[in-house]
Amino acid sequence: MINSYVIDRRLNGKNKSAVNRRRFLERYRKHIKKAVNEAVNKRSITDMEHGESISIPSEDIHEPVFGHGQGGTRTTVNPGNKEFSTGDRVRKPQGGSGQGRGGQASNSGEGLDDFTFTITQDEFLEFLFEDLELPNLVRKDLKQMSDFVYRQAGFTSQGVPNRINIVRSMRNAQARRIALSGKSRRRVKELNALIEQEEAKDEALRDGQQLAQWLEEQQRLEAKIKRLPFIDDFDLRYNRSEKVPVPSNAAVMFCLMDVSGSMTQNTKDMAKRFFLLLYMFLRRNYEKIEVVFIRHHTSAKEVDEEEFFYSRETGGTIVSSALRMMHDVIKERYPPSAWNIYAAQASDGDNWNDDSPQCKDLLANYLMPLVQYYSYIEITPRDHQALWYAYEDVRAEHPEHFAMEQIIDPGDIYPVFRQLFQRKSA
């Protein structure tokens, strides 16, 4: 059997290479997805969104091959030898790994190294946040008239060429021609009847002078009708559109991070990595999104992005201070009628004993009626702490709008993140 390899030597057209790359990424999606998942767990906060090198095993790289058989019925005579008879099995040669993956040196064997390529930052983030979304996102009432849609609102006599309405323009042109030439056409019709009657008479009875006058008037009117333009600037009509406000799907995400003394540096780093994933996801996937950063120990403080991720402030633990601040910010800046409100809270679960019941009360009675989705992440290798048990009652009351997950080591960050924001089927 003869193998034929197909090689496409055509030059890439405009943007053709981008299309080919997209097809390549789709073909090896499984390998890329696995590499992206592993990269997230290994990276630090500063290089979380960079590209990544992907290796594809050589056995998974196949080229299209056409096999040409002999065809028909053929009889062949093969020469024999002293070592083998028909049906004997041939032993594999000893040594020689030949796969390009290490091993002992050998003077035999051949193979291919794994294929390695690099995906860009955008491609890395695309695979990173694939099939994720904010749960329960709905359209709200009009918010500052910032969302508009253009809708057809009649016609106008002025506009750009690409907005011209051909049917309405031709209708206007026809109406104008009928209106301006209607009287002349009726007179031409009368003259035609008169001329036919006059020409039907005998030549002796025919009034030549009157017939000449009618013919002259007929020609003059027909010329006048022909001088009317088929279409005029006055006839042109353009589609008119107007901006109509539509409900907005604006959303705000509250990021609440515990920075108390019970949070070790390793625990804080895992919390920051989780929030950085969340922040990149929101900025990439949603246009109308605002993020409110709140750090807390014994007191809560609204901070900017820089201070949230890099400040070293610490102290005791009163979680309810962050929940109260969140409620105050919602009342002041984010009315639930206009905003989809979300929250993500990260803590080691350690809290002042008398404060956990207050946290439960604040969540159940004040915050849950306002938010679309609230997620709590407990970062600890130990058993669940007091805050977890207080929040379990809230989850039982709001199973669709409240989620809880535990992170034990850095390898749990990305799986937990996907679990919390996995796109759900309709």
Protein backbone atom coordinates (compact mmCIF):
# COMPACT_ATOMS: atom_id res chain seq x y z
CA MET A 1 0.00 0.00 0.00
CA ILE A 2 1.29 3.46 -0.92
CA ASN A 3 0.70 6.42 1.44
CA SER A 4 0.02 9.88 -0.01
CA TYR A 5 0.53 12.98 2.15
CA VAL A 6 -1.56 16.05 1.31
CA ILE A 7 0.37 19.33 1.59
CA ASP A 8 -1.52 22.59 1.11
CA ARG A 9 0.91 25.11 -0.39
CA ARG A 10 -1.65 27.83 -1.07
CA LEU A 11 -0.77 31.22 0.35
CA ASN A 12 -2.87 32.42 3.25
CA GLY A 13 -5.41 35.05 2.32
CA LYS A 14 -6.31 38.01 4.48
CA ASN A 15 -6.83 36.83 8.09
CA LYS A 16 -6.54 33.21 6.91
CA SER A 17 -3.85 32.41 9.47
CA ALA A 18 -6.17 33.51 12.29
CA VAL A 19 -8.85 31.12 11.03
CA ASN A 20 -6.36 28.26 10.80
CA ARG A 21 -5.13 28.96 14.33
CA ARG A 22 -8.69 28.91 15.64
CA ARG A 23 -9.26 25.52 14.01
CA PHE A 24 -6.03 24.23 15.53
CA LEU A 25 -7.05 25.40 19.02
CA GLU A 26 -10.44 23.73 18.67
CA ARG A 27 -8.82 20.46 17.53
CA TYR A 28 -6.55 20.26 20.59
CA ARG A 29 -8.95 21.86 23.07
CA LYS A 30 -8.59 18.97 25.56
CA HIS A 31 -4.81 19.36 25.85
CA ILE A 32 -5.00 23.17 26.06
CA LYS A 33 -7.71 23.07 28.70
CA LYS A 34 -5.64 20.69 30.83
CA ALA A 35 -2.53 22.86 30.52
CA VAL A 36 -4.47 26.02 31.44
CA ASN A 37 -5.93 24.37 34.54
CA GLU A 38 -2.48 23.25 35.67
CA ALA A 39 -0.95 26.67 34.97
CA VAL A 40 -3.47 28.49 37.18
CA ASN A 41 -2.50 26.44 40.21
CA LYS A 42 1.23 27.07 39.69
CA ARG A 43 1.20 30.79 38.98
CA SER A 44 1.64 33.70 41.32
CA ILE A 45 -0.72 36.67 41.47
CA THR A 46 1.43 38.88 39.25
CA ASP A 47 1.59 36.57 36.20
CA MET A 48 -1.88 35.04 36.41
CA GLU A 49 -3.09 36.34 33.04
CA HIS A 50 -0.03 35.71 30.84
CA GLY A 51 0.04 33.21 27.98
CA GLU A 52 1.09 29.59 28.37
CA SER A 53 3.21 26.99 26.54
CA ILE A 54 1.23 23.90 25.56
CA SER A 55 2.75 20.47 24.77
CA ILE A 56 0.86 17.94 22.69
CA PRO A 57 2.05 14.30 22.72
CA SER A 58 3.37 13.15 19.36
CA GLU A 59 0.92 10.24 19.21
CA ASP A 60 -1.97 12.73 19.19
CA ILE A 61 -0.69 14.57 16.12
CA HIS A 62 -2.02 12.94 12.99
CA GLU A 63 -1.63 13.99 9.39
CA PRO A 64 -4.20 13.17 6.70
CA VAL A 65 -3.09 10.19 4.62
CA PHE A 66 -4.64 8.55 1.59
CA GLY A 67 -3.90 4.83 1.26
CA HIS A 68 -3.83 3.33 -2.24
CA GLY A 69 -4.52 -0.43 -2.35
CA GLN A 70 -3.35 -2.81 -5.04
CA GLY A 71 -6.86 -3.48 -6.30
CA GLY A 72 -8.05 -6.54 -8.18
CA THR A 73 -6.80 -10.12 -7.73
CA ARG A 74 -3.02 -10.51 -7.75
CA THR A 75 -0.75 -13.52 -7.25
CA THR A 76 2.73 -12.93 -5.81
CA VAL A 77 5.65 -15.22 -5.06
CA ASN A 78 7.81 -14.15 -2.08
CA PRO A 79 11.32 -15.46 -1.54
CA GLY A 80 11.77 -17.63 1.56
CA ASN A 81 14.62 -17.71 4.09
CA LYS A 82 16.22 -20.08 6.59
CA GLU A 83 14.93 -18.35 9.77
CA PHE A 84 11.20 -17.87 9.33
CA SER A 85 8.22 -19.76 7.99
CA THR A 86 4.70 -18.57 7.24
CA GLY A 87 2.90 -17.48 10.43
CA ASP A 88 6.04 -16.96 12.56
CA ARG A 89 6.14 -13.83 14.79
CA VAL A 90 9.04 -11.41 14.35
CA ARG A 91 10.71 -10.22 17.55
CA LYS A 92 11.07 -6.50 18.18
CA PRO A 93 14.64 -5.16 17.99
CA GLN A 94 16.39 -4.80 21.35
CA GLY A 95 17.06 -1.29 22.77
CA GLY A 96 16.54 2.07 21.09
CA SER A 97 13.68 3.99 22.65
CA GLY A 98 13.43 6.19 19.57
CA GLN A 99 10.71 8.46 20.93
CA GLY A 100 12.75 11.54 21.80
CA ARG A 101 11.72 11.48 25.46
CA GLY A 102 14.90 10.51 27.24
CA GLY A 103 16.12 7.02 28.06
CA GLN A 104 19.40 5.25 27.37
CA ALA A 105 21.47 6.11 24.32
CA SER A 106 20.97 3.80 21.36
CA ASN A 107 22.14 3.42 17.78
CA SER A 108 18.68 2.48 16.50
CA GLY A 109 15.05 3.65 16.62
CA GLU A 110 13.43 6.92 15.60
CA GLY A 111 10.44 9.06 16.65
CA LEU A 112 9.14 12.59 17.24
CA ASP A 113 9.38 15.01 20.16
CA ASP A 114 6.18 16.39 21.68
CA PHE A 115 4.80 19.37 19.78
CA THR A 116 5.00 22.59 21.82
CA PHE A 117 3.38 25.94 21.04
CA THR A 118 2.37 29.08 22.96
CA ILE A 119 -1.11 30.52 23.35
CA THR A 120 -1.61 34.25 23.72
CA GLN A 121 -2.97 36.09 26.75
CA ASP A 122 -6.44 36.42 25.20
CA GLU A 123 -6.51 32.74 24.27
CA PHE A 124 -5.36 31.77 27.77
CA LEU A 125 -8.15 33.80 29.38
CA GLU A 126 -10.69 32.44 26.91
CA PHE A 127 -9.95 28.85 27.93
CA LEU A 128 -9.64 29.89 31.58
CA PHE A 129 -13.14 31.36 31.78
CA GLU A 130 -14.91 29.09 29.33
CA ASP A 131 -18.49 28.16 30.30
CA LEU A 132 -18.57 30.55 33.26
CA GLU A 133 -21.13 33.25 34.04
CA LEU A 134 -22.66 35.29 36.81
CA PRO A 135 -25.65 33.32 38.11
CA ASN A 136 -29.18 34.75 38.03
CA LEU A 137 -28.25 37.80 35.94
CA VAL A 138 -31.44 39.64 34.95
CA ARG A 139 -32.32 42.91 33.29
CA LYS A 140 -33.22 45.70 35.65
CA ASP A 141 -35.07 48.99 35.32
CA LEU A 142 -33.66 51.96 33.43
CA LYS A 143 -30.36 53.07 34.93
CA GLN A 144 -29.25 56.62 34.05
CA MET A 145 -30.56 56.09 30.50
CA SER A 146 -27.18 54.55 29.58
CA ASP A 147 -28.55 51.59 27.61
CA PHE A 148 -30.28 52.39 24.34
CA VAL A 149 -31.39 50.53 21.26
CA TYR A 150 -32.09 52.09 17.85
CA ARG A 151 -35.57 51.34 16.53
CA GLN A 152 -37.38 52.28 13.31
CA ALA A 153 -39.31 55.52 13.73
CA GLY A 154 -40.77 56.45 10.36
CA PHE A 155 -38.98 58.25 7.54
CA THR A 156 -37.15 61.52 6.97
CA SER A 157 -36.28 63.55 3.88
CA GLN A 158 -32.63 63.86 4.91
CA GLY A 159 -30.11 61.18 5.70
CA VAL A 160 -27.06 59.23 4.57
CA PRO A 161 -27.14 57.05 1.44
CA ASN A 162 -26.95 53.76 3.30
CA ARG A 163 -30.19 54.63 5.15
CA ILE A 164 -32.26 55.31 2.00
CA ASN A 165 -35.59 53.52 1.75
CA ILE A 166 -35.90 52.51 -1.90
CA VAL A 167 -39.55 51.45 -1.81
CA ARG A 168 -40.77 54.64 -0.15
CA SER A 169 -38.60 56.81 -2.46
CA MET A 170 -39.94 55.11 -5.61
CA ARG A 171 -43.48 55.43 -4.31
CA ASN A 172 -43.00 59.17 -3.78
CA ALA A 173 -41.49 59.56 -7.24
CA GLN A 174 -44.42 57.78 -8.85
CA ALA A 175 -46.92 59.88 -6.90
CA ARG A 176 -45.14 63.09 -7.96
CA ARG A 177 -45.14 62.09 -11.63
CA ILE A 178 -48.84 61.21 -11.49
CA ALA A 179 -49.72 64.44 -9.74
CA LEU A 180 -47.73 66.67 -12.12
CA SER A 181 -48.70 64.90 -15.32
CA GLY A 182 -52.26 63.80 -14.54
CA LYS A 183 -53.98 66.69 -16.31
CA SER A 184 -51.69 66.42 -19.33
CA ARG A 185 -52.23 62.66 -19.62
CA ARG A 186 -55.99 63.08 -19.53
CA ARG A 187 -55.76 65.73 -22.28
CA VAL A 188 -53.51 63.46 -24.38
CA LYS A 189 -56.07 60.67 -24.01
CA GLU A 190 -58.84 63.01 -25.20
CA LEU A 191 -56.72 64.19 -28.14
CA ASN A 192 -56.00 60.62 -29.18
CA ALA A 193 -59.72 59.90 -29.30
CA LEU A 194 -60.41 63.06 -31.31
CA ILE A 195 -57.57 62.36 -33.73
CA GLU A 196 -58.78 58.80 -34.29
CA GLN A 197 -62.32 60.05 -35.00
CA GLU A 198 -61.05 62.70 -37.39
CA GLU A 199 -58.75 60.32 -39.27
CA ALA A 200 -61.60 57.82 -39.60
CA LYS A 201 -63.57 60.35 -41.70
CA ASP A 202 -63.34 60.53 -45.45
CA GLU A 203 -60.57 62.73 -46.73
CA ALA A 204 -63.09 65.16 -48.22
CA LEU A 205 -64.88 65.63 -44.89
CA ARG A 206 -61.69 65.78 -42.75
CA ASP A 207 -60.77 69.13 -41.15
CA GLY A 208 -57.01 69.28 -41.82
CA GLN A 209 -56.40 72.46 -39.89
CA GLN A 210 -58.11 71.14 -36.72
CA LEU A 211 -56.31 67.82 -37.03
CA ALA A 212 -52.95 69.60 -37.28
CA GLN A 213 -53.71 71.61 -34.15
CA TRP A 214 -54.62 68.46 -32.24
CA LEU A 215 -51.43 66.68 -33.37
CA GLU A 216 -49.29 69.66 -32.39
CA GLU A 217 -50.92 69.85 -28.95
CA GLN A 218 -50.50 66.08 -28.50
CA GLN A 219 -46.77 66.24 -29.28
CA ARG A 220 -46.29 69.20 -26.97
CA LEU A 221 -48.01 67.48 -24.05
CA GLU A 222 -46.13 64.19 -24.55
CA ALA A 223 -42.84 66.10 -24.60
CA LYS A 224 -43.86 67.87 -21.40
CA ILE A 225 -44.62 64.51 -19.72
CA LYS A 226 -41.26 63.09 -20.81
CA ARG A 227 -39.42 66.05 -19.33
CA LEU A 228 -40.60 65.10 -15.85
CA PRO A 229 -37.63 63.47 -14.00
CA PHE A 230 -38.10 59.82 -13.10
CA ILE A 231 -36.89 60.54 -9.56
CA ASP A 232 -36.00 63.79 -7.85
CA ASP A 233 -34.18 64.72 -4.66
CA PHE A 234 -37.55 65.74 -3.30
CA ASP A 235 -38.73 62.11 -3.60
CA LEU A 236 -35.96 60.55 -1.53
CA ARG A 237 -36.89 59.16 1.86
CA TYR A 238 -34.51 57.77 4.49
CA ASN A 239 -35.15 55.39 7.33
CA ARG A 240 -35.35 57.29 10.58
CA SER A 241 -34.22 55.70 13.84
CA GLU A 242 -34.52 56.93 17.37
CA LYS A 243 -32.75 55.89 20.58
CA VAL A 244 -35.06 54.05 22.92
CA PRO A 245 -33.91 53.31 26.48
CA VAL A 246 -33.90 49.65 27.42
CA PRO A 247 -33.49 47.89 30.76
CA SER A 248 -29.88 47.62 31.87
CA ASN A 249 -28.09 44.47 32.97
CA ALA A 250 -25.52 46.43 34.96
CA ALA A 251 -23.98 44.46 37.82
CA VAL A 252 -21.80 45.11 40.84
CA MET A 253 -19.59 42.58 42.59
CA PHE A 254 -18.65 43.01 46.26
CA CYS A 255 -15.33 41.35 47.16
CA LEU A 256 -15.06 40.84 50.94
CA MET A 257 -11.68 39.59 52.19
CA ASP A 258 -10.69 38.75 55.74
CA VAL A 259 -7.22 40.15 56.58
CA SER A 260 -7.28 39.48 60.31
CA GLY A 261 -4.39 38.06 62.28
CA SER A 262 -5.75 34.50 62.08
CA MET A 263 -5.27 34.60 58.30
CA THR A 264 -1.74 33.37 57.64
CA GLN A 265 0.23 34.77 54.71
CA ASN A 266 -0.37 31.56 52.75
CA THR A 267 -4.12 31.81 53.39
CA LYS A 268 -4.16 35.46 52.31
CA ASP A 269 -2.28 34.59 49.12
CA MET A 270 -4.87 31.94 48.23
CA ALA A 271 -7.68 34.43 48.91
CA LYS A 272 -5.99 37.01 46.70
CA ARG A 273 -5.54 34.48 43.91
CA PHE A 274 -9.22 33.60 44.07
CA PHE A 275 -10.26 37.26 43.92
CA LEU A 276 -7.82 37.96 41.10
CA LEU A 277 -9.41 35.16 39.08
CA LEU A 278 -12.82 36.65 39.81
CA TYR A 279 -11.68 40.16 38.90
CA MET A 280 -10.19 39.06 35.55
CA PHE A 281 -13.32 37.05 34.78
CA LEU A 282 -15.60 40.03 35.39
CA ARG A 283 -13.48 42.50 33.41
CA ARG A 284 -13.20 40.17 30.44
CA ASN A 285 -16.76 38.88 30.21
CA TYR A 286 -18.91 41.87 31.23
CA GLU A 287 -18.93 45.46 30.02
CA LYS A 288 -21.21 47.02 32.63
CA ILE A 289 -19.63 45.73 35.81
CA GLU A 290 -18.39 47.52 38.89
CA VAL A 291 -16.29 45.94 41.62
CA VAL A 292 -16.32 47.08 45.24
CA PHE A 293 -13.35 45.90 47.33
CA ILE A 294 -13.81 45.61 51.10
CA ARG A 295 -11.06 44.48 53.51
CA HIS A 296 -11.86 43.78 57.14
CA HIS A 297 -10.41 42.74 60.47
CA THR A 298 -12.11 44.30 63.51
CA SER A 299 -13.36 47.09 61.22
CA ALA A 300 -14.16 47.16 57.52
CA LYS A 301 -12.77 49.51 54.91
CA GLU A 302 -13.62 50.06 51.27
CA VAL A 303 -10.38 50.19 49.29
CA ASP A 304 -9.19 50.36 45.70
CA GLU A 305 -7.79 47.47 43.70
CA GLU A 306 -4.15 48.20 44.61
CA GLU A 307 -4.76 48.34 48.35
CA PHE A 308 -7.05 45.31 48.28
CA PHE A 309 -4.39 43.01 46.82
CA TYR A 310 -1.19 44.46 48.29
CA SER A 311 -1.93 46.16 51.63
CA ARG A 312 -0.38 44.47 54.71
CA GLU A 313 -2.85 45.79 57.30
CA THR A 314 -4.11 43.24 59.84
CA GLY A 315 -5.91 42.98 63.19
CA GLY A 316 -8.63 41.11 65.06
CA THR A 317 -11.69 39.46 63.49
CA ILE A 318 -15.21 40.89 63.34
CA VAL A 319 -16.78 39.73 60.06
CA SER A 320 -20.07 41.56 60.57
CA SER A 321 -18.28 44.89 60.00
CA ALA A 322 -17.78 43.97 56.32
CA LEU A 323 -21.41 42.87 55.90
CA ARG A 324 -22.67 46.12 57.43
CA MET A 325 -20.45 48.17 55.13
CA MET A 326 -21.69 46.22 52.11
CA HIS A 327 -25.29 46.93 53.11
CA ASP A 328 -24.54 50.64 53.55
CA VAL A 329 -22.84 50.87 50.13
CA ILE A 330 -25.80 49.15 48.45
CA LYS A 331 -28.26 51.58 50.01
CA GLU A 332 -26.12 54.56 49.04
CA ARG A 333 -25.00 53.68 45.48
CA TYR A 334 -26.59 50.51 44.10
CA PRO A 335 -30.39 50.32 44.30
CA PRO A 336 -31.49 46.71 43.62
CA SER A 337 -34.08 47.93 41.12
CA ALA A 338 -31.28 49.07 38.80
CA TRP A 339 -28.39 46.74 39.65
CA ASN A 340 -27.64 43.04 39.73
CA ILE A 341 -25.80 42.68 43.05
CA TYR A 342 -23.26 39.91 43.71
CA ALA A 343 -20.87 39.19 46.55
CA ALA A 344 -17.90 36.90 47.14
CA GLN A 345 -16.50 36.54 50.66
CA ALA A 346 -13.22 34.80 51.54
CA SER A 347 -12.19 33.98 55.09
CA ASP A 348 -10.53 31.29 57.17
CA GLY A 349 -13.83 30.94 59.06
CA ASP A 350 -12.36 32.15 62.34
CA ASN A 351 -14.58 34.82 63.93
CA TRP A 352 -15.31 36.34 67.29
CA ASN A 353 -17.84 33.98 68.90
CA ASP A 354 -20.59 36.53 69.52
CA ASP A 355 -20.24 37.91 65.99
CA SER A 356 -21.18 34.83 63.94
CA PRO A 357 -24.91 34.99 64.88
CA GLN A 358 -24.90 38.66 63.88
CA CYS A 359 -23.38 37.70 60.50
CA LYS A 360 -26.14 35.16 59.98
CA ASP A 361 -28.81 37.75 60.84
CA LEU A 362 -27.30 40.38 58.52
CA LEU A 363 -27.11 37.93 55.63
CA ALA A 364 -30.52 36.33 56.04
CA ASN A 365 -32.57 39.46 56.77
CA TYR A 366 -30.74 42.32 55.09
CA LEU A 367 -28.41 41.18 52.29
CA MET A 368 -29.98 38.07 50.72
CA PRO A 369 -33.20 39.93 49.75
CA LEU A 370 -30.99 42.35 47.78
CA VAL A 371 -28.42 40.14 46.05
CA GLN A 372 -28.62 37.85 43.02
CA TYR A 373 -25.90 35.54 44.29
CA TYR A 374 -23.67 35.31 47.35
CA SER A 375 -20.65 33.00 47.53
CA TYR A 376 -18.65 32.21 50.65
CA ILE A 377 -15.20 30.59 50.43
CA GLU A 378 -13.59 29.19 53.56
CA ILE A 379 -9.83 28.80 53.19
CA THR A 380 -8.54 26.40 55.82
CA PRO A 381 -7.08 22.88 55.99
CA ARG A 382 -8.84 22.32 59.31
CA ASP A 383 -12.44 21.43 60.05
CA HIS A 384 -15.10 24.01 59.33
CA GLN A 385 -15.12 27.01 61.65
CA ALA A 386 -17.93 28.91 63.40
CA LEU A 387 -18.74 31.13 60.42
CA TRP A 388 -19.37 28.10 58.19
CA TYR A 389 -21.96 26.63 60.57
CA ALA A 390 -23.69 30.01 60.90
CA TYR A 391 -23.89 30.33 57.11
CA GLU A 392 -25.30 26.83 56.62
CA ASP A 393 -28.71 28.04 57.81
CA VAL A 394 -28.59 30.84 55.22
CA ARG A 395 -27.76 28.36 52.46
CA ALA A 396 -30.70 26.18 53.51
CA GLU A 397 -33.05 29.14 53.14
CA HIS A 398 -31.58 30.38 49.82
CA PRO A 399 -30.19 27.34 47.97
CA GLU A 400 -30.29 29.03 44.54
CA HIS A 401 -28.70 32.30 45.64
CA PHE A 402 -26.13 31.25 48.26
CA ALA A 403 -23.14 28.95 47.76
CA MET A 404 -20.36 27.74 50.07
CA GLU A 405 -17.09 26.02 49.19
CA GLN A 406 -13.87 25.16 51.04
CA ILE A 407 -10.32 25.67 49.76
CA ILE A 408 -7.61 23.60 51.41
CA ASP A 409 -4.58 24.16 49.15
CA PRO A 410 -3.79 26.23 46.02
CA GLY A 411 -4.85 23.36 43.77
CA ASP A 412 -8.45 23.85 44.92
CA ILE A 413 -8.70 27.52 43.87
CA TYR A 414 -9.57 27.12 40.20
CA PRO A 415 -11.90 24.10 40.61
CA VAL A 416 -13.80 25.93 43.37
CA PHE A 417 -13.98 29.06 41.24
CA ARG A 418 -15.47 27.08 38.33
CA GLN A 419 -17.88 25.33 40.67
CA LEU A 420 -19.21 28.65 41.97
CA PHE A 421 -19.63 30.32 38.58
CA GLN A 422 -20.33 27.37 36.27
CA ARG A 423 -22.83 28.18 33.54
CA LYS A 424 -26.04 26.35 34.22
CA SER A 425 -28.26 24.95 31.51
CA ALA A 426 -31.56 26.69 31.01
